[in-house]
Protein backbone atom coordinates (compact mmCIF):
# COMPACT_ATOMS: atom_id res chain seq x y z
CA UNK A 1 -0.05 0.07 0.16
CA UNK A 2 1.69 3.27 -1.06
CA UNK A 3 0.23 7.13 0.11
CA UNK A 4 -0.73 8.37 -3.04
CA UNK A 5 -1.61 11.72 -2.04
CA UNK A 6 -1.73 14.11 1.25
CA UNK A 7 -3.80 17.14 1.38
CA UNK A 8 -3.14 19.82 3.93
CA UNK A 9 -5.41 22.86 4.83
CA UNK A 10 -3.58 25.39 7.04
CA UNK A 11 -5.42 26.56 10.42
CA UNK A 12 -4.01 28.62 13.01
CA UNK A 13 -6.88 28.04 15.77
CA UNK A 14 -5.29 27.53 18.96
CA UNK A 15 -2.83 23.91 18.85
CA UNK A 16 -4.88 23.08 16.04
CA UNK A 17 -1.95 23.77 12.76
CA UNK A 18 -3.73 22.13 9.70
CA UNK A 19 -6.18 19.59 8.60
CA UNK A 20 -5.14 16.82 6.44
CA UNK A 21 -6.48 14.37 3.86
CA UNK A 22 -4.58 10.99 3.02
CA UNK A 23 -5.03 8.63 -0.08
CA UNK A 24 -3.65 5.43 -0.30
CA UNK A 25 -3.20 3.30 -3.72
CA UNK A 26 -5.32 6.27 -5.38
CA UNK A 27 -8.21 4.70 -4.60
CA UNK A 28 -8.96 5.18 -0.76
CA UNK A 29 -9.06 8.26 1.18
CA UNK A 30 -9.33 9.23 5.00
CA UNK A 31 -10.21 12.84 5.66
CA UNK A 32 -10.01 14.35 8.85
CA UNK A 33 -6.57 14.28 10.41
CA UNK A 34 -5.67 16.99 12.42
CA UNK A 35 -2.07 18.37 12.71
CA UNK A 36 -1.65 19.81 16.09
CA UNK A 37 1.24 21.79 18.35
CA UNK A 38 1.94 20.34 21.48
CA UNK A 39 4.34 21.09 24.22
CA UNK A 40 6.35 17.69 22.64
CA UNK A 41 6.22 18.99 19.27
CA UNK A 42 4.20 18.42 16.34
CA UNK A 43 1.85 15.24 15.89
CA UNK A 44 -1.13 14.18 13.75
CA UNK A 45 -4.25 12.96 15.48
CA UNK A 46 -6.63 10.46 13.61
CA UNK A 47 -10.04 11.38 12.66
CA UNK A 48 -12.54 11.01 15.42
CA UNK A 49 -16.15 11.62 17.04
CA UNK A 50 -16.97 12.29 20.46
CA UNK A 51 -19.18 9.87 21.88
CA UNK A 52 -21.89 10.01 24.27
CA UNK A 53 -19.60 9.95 27.62
CA UNK A 54 -17.79 12.60 26.14
CA UNK A 55 -14.55 10.75 25.46
CA UNK A 56 -13.28 10.85 21.95
CA UNK A 57 -12.79 7.75 19.70
CA UNK A 58 -10.81 7.10 16.44
CA UNK A 59 -12.88 6.83 13.39
CA UNK A 60 -9.62 5.25 11.53
CA UNK A 61 -6.31 4.82 12.62
CA UNK A 62 -3.12 2.64 11.77
CA UNK A 63 -2.85 -0.69 14.07
CA UNK A 64 0.97 -0.66 14.24
CA UNK A 65 3.45 1.47 15.68
CA UNK A 66 5.11 1.14 12.19
CA UNK A 67 2.43 2.61 9.81
CA UNK A 68 1.56 5.26 12.56
CA UNK A 69 5.45 6.38 12.24
CA UNK A 70 4.74 6.07 8.19
CA UNK A 71 1.80 7.57 7.87
CA UNK A 72 2.56 10.37 10.44
CA UNK A 73 5.82 11.10 8.75
CA UNK A 74 4.30 11.62 5.76
CA UNK A 75 1.51 13.97 6.78
CA UNK A 76 4.30 16.08 8.86
CA UNK A 77 6.60 16.62 5.61
CA UNK A 78 3.22 17.54 3.52
CA UNK A 79 2.31 20.12 5.91
CA UNK A 80 6.03 21.69 6.44
CA UNK A 81 6.02 21.60 2.39
CA UNK A 82 2.49 23.58 2.59
CA UNK A 83 4.40 25.97 5.11
CA UNK A 84 6.77 26.75 2.69
CA UNK A 85 4.49 27.30 -0.46
CA UNK A 86 2.32 29.71 1.98
CA UNK A 87 5.32 31.22 3.36
CA UNK A 88 6.77 31.94 -0.35
CA UNK A 89 3.38 33.47 -0.83
CA UNK A 90 2.93 35.62 2.10
CA UNK A 91 0.59 33.47 4.09
CA UNK A 92 1.18 31.27 7.03
CA UNK A 93 5.02 30.83 8.32
CA UNK A 94 6.68 28.17 9.63
CA UNK A 95 6.85 28.36 13.71
CA UNK A 96 10.36 26.60 13.14
CA UNK A 97 11.91 27.39 9.55
CA UNK A 98 14.85 25.68 10.30
CA UNK A 99 12.90 22.13 10.46
CA UNK A 100 12.04 22.01 7.11
CA UNK A 101 12.20 19.00 5.50
CA UNK A 102 12.62 16.95 8.55
CA UNK A 103 9.90 14.11 9.51
CA UNK A 104 8.98 13.38 13.10
CA UNK A 105 7.33 10.46 13.98
């Protein structure tokens, strides 16, 4: 299985930095991933829904640690590229411009 597309929609709403959609093998898309900035760095939150008890449950998520790292790396890389592109157009600025190109997992 390959990631064939990652789309990023930048936001600046509290800790929320962007939304992402990810396409697998040009035939299956998962929307609603969130790129969140925390005290431990940037991470990808899977799409989720709020349950009746107030807790959130992932709708879709990687099963293994390796697949989570693979997915998160692709999304964060696309996010950083979008920050650079938007910065070139006078839009959003990367909070850490020295980190461009590095994938975190």
